[in-house]
Amino acid sequence: MMTKTELHDELWMLAKGLLQDSRIDSMEAKVIKRWLEEHQSGAEFQPMIDKLNKFLADGFIDQIESRSLIDSLGSTLRELNAH
């Protein structure tokens, strides 16, 4: 099991790579969702996973959803960093 610091660092690197174009498309959202599901040990990622499931339901991430996911990803990273 990874420490919170290791989770933060790995998720940070993933996010940094995916956000080079300042948006999250459906393929990138699926990558983030899969990573969160594979690394969740409790419920710490569930709000983000729920949001991703909702946004991916139609198979398309629009500009508003992309912005929301970027904000949520930032919040998730800040939470991991605080622990």
Protein backbone atom coordinates (compact mmCIF):
# COMPACT_ATOMS: atom_id res chain seq x y z
CA MET A 1 0.00 0.00 0.00
CA MET A 2 1.28 3.44 -0.93
CA THR A 3 1.64 6.24 1.60
CA LYS A 4 -0.41 9.44 1.16
CA THR A 5 2.77 11.18 0.00
CA GLU A 6 3.43 8.49 -2.62
CA LEU A 7 -0.20 8.66 -3.78
CA HIS A 8 0.03 12.44 -4.04
CA ASP A 9 3.29 12.32 -5.98
CA GLU A 10 2.06 9.68 -8.43
CA LEU A 11 -1.29 11.40 -8.99
CA TRP A 12 0.53 14.74 -9.39
CA MET A 13 2.73 13.29 -12.12
CA LEU A 14 -0.29 11.76 -13.87
CA ALA A 15 -2.22 15.03 -13.67
CA LYS A 16 0.75 17.08 -14.85
CA GLY A 17 1.05 14.93 -17.96
CA LEU A 18 -2.66 14.95 -18.72
CA LEU A 19 -3.15 18.68 -18.15
CA GLN A 20 -0.52 19.94 -20.57
CA ASP A 21 -3.30 21.26 -22.80
CA SER A 22 -5.24 22.69 -19.81
CA ARG A 23 -8.26 20.45 -20.33
CA ILE A 24 -9.41 16.90 -19.64
CA ASP A 25 -11.02 14.94 -22.46
CA SER A 26 -12.93 11.67 -22.11
CA MET A 27 -9.87 9.48 -22.69
CA GLU A 28 -7.92 11.36 -20.01
CA ALA A 29 -10.90 11.21 -17.64
CA LYS A 30 -10.98 7.42 -18.04
CA VAL A 31 -7.25 7.23 -17.23
CA ILE A 32 -7.73 9.30 -14.08
CA LYS A 33 -10.78 7.27 -13.05
CA ARG A 34 -8.94 3.97 -13.49
CA TRP A 35 -5.97 5.26 -11.46
CA LEU A 36 -8.24 6.48 -8.65
CA GLU A 37 -10.13 3.17 -8.54
CA GLU A 38 -6.90 1.15 -8.48
CA HIS A 39 -5.35 3.24 -5.70
CA GLN A 40 -8.36 3.83 -3.46
CA SER A 41 -7.94 2.26 -0.03
CA GLY A 42 -10.97 3.85 1.62
CA ALA A 43 -13.40 6.45 0.37
CA GLU A 44 -10.90 9.26 -0.19
CA PHE A 45 -11.30 9.24 -3.97
CA GLN A 46 -15.00 8.36 -4.13
CA PRO A 47 -16.29 11.92 -4.71
CA MET A 48 -13.94 12.32 -7.67
CA ILE A 49 -14.81 8.85 -9.01
CA ASP A 50 -18.53 9.66 -8.71
CA LYS A 51 -18.02 12.91 -10.61
CA LEU A 52 -16.06 11.12 -13.32
CA ASN A 53 -18.78 8.47 -13.66
CA LYS A 54 -21.43 11.17 -14.01
CA PHE A 55 -19.46 13.14 -16.59
CA LEU A 56 -18.46 10.04 -18.57
CA ALA A 57 -22.04 8.72 -18.76
CA ASP A 58 -22.56 10.31 -22.18
CA GLY A 59 -19.02 9.44 -23.36
CA PHE A 60 -18.04 13.09 -23.79
CA ILE A 61 -16.39 15.64 -21.50
CA ASP A 62 -17.50 19.15 -22.37
CA GLN A 63 -15.63 22.35 -21.48
CA ILE A 64 -17.57 22.95 -18.25
CA GLU A 65 -17.07 19.35 -17.10
CA SER A 66 -13.38 19.57 -17.98
CA ARG A 67 -12.97 22.69 -15.84
CA SER A 68 -14.85 21.04 -12.98
CA LEU A 69 -12.62 17.95 -13.19
CA ILE A 70 -9.48 20.08 -13.16
CA ASP A 71 -10.73 21.88 -10.04
CA SER A 72 -11.66 18.58 -8.36
CA LEU A 73 -8.31 17.07 -9.24
CA GLY A 74 -6.59 20.06 -7.63
CA SER A 75 -8.71 19.62 -4.49
CA THR A 76 -7.91 15.91 -4.34
CA LEU A 77 -4.20 16.64 -4.65
CA ARG A 78 -4.38 19.31 -1.91
CA GLU A 79 -6.18 16.84 0.40
CA LEU A 80 -3.54 14.18 -0.18
CA ASN A 81 -0.78 16.70 0.43
CA ALA A 82 -2.37 17.85 3.72
CA HIS A 83 -2.28 14.36 5.25
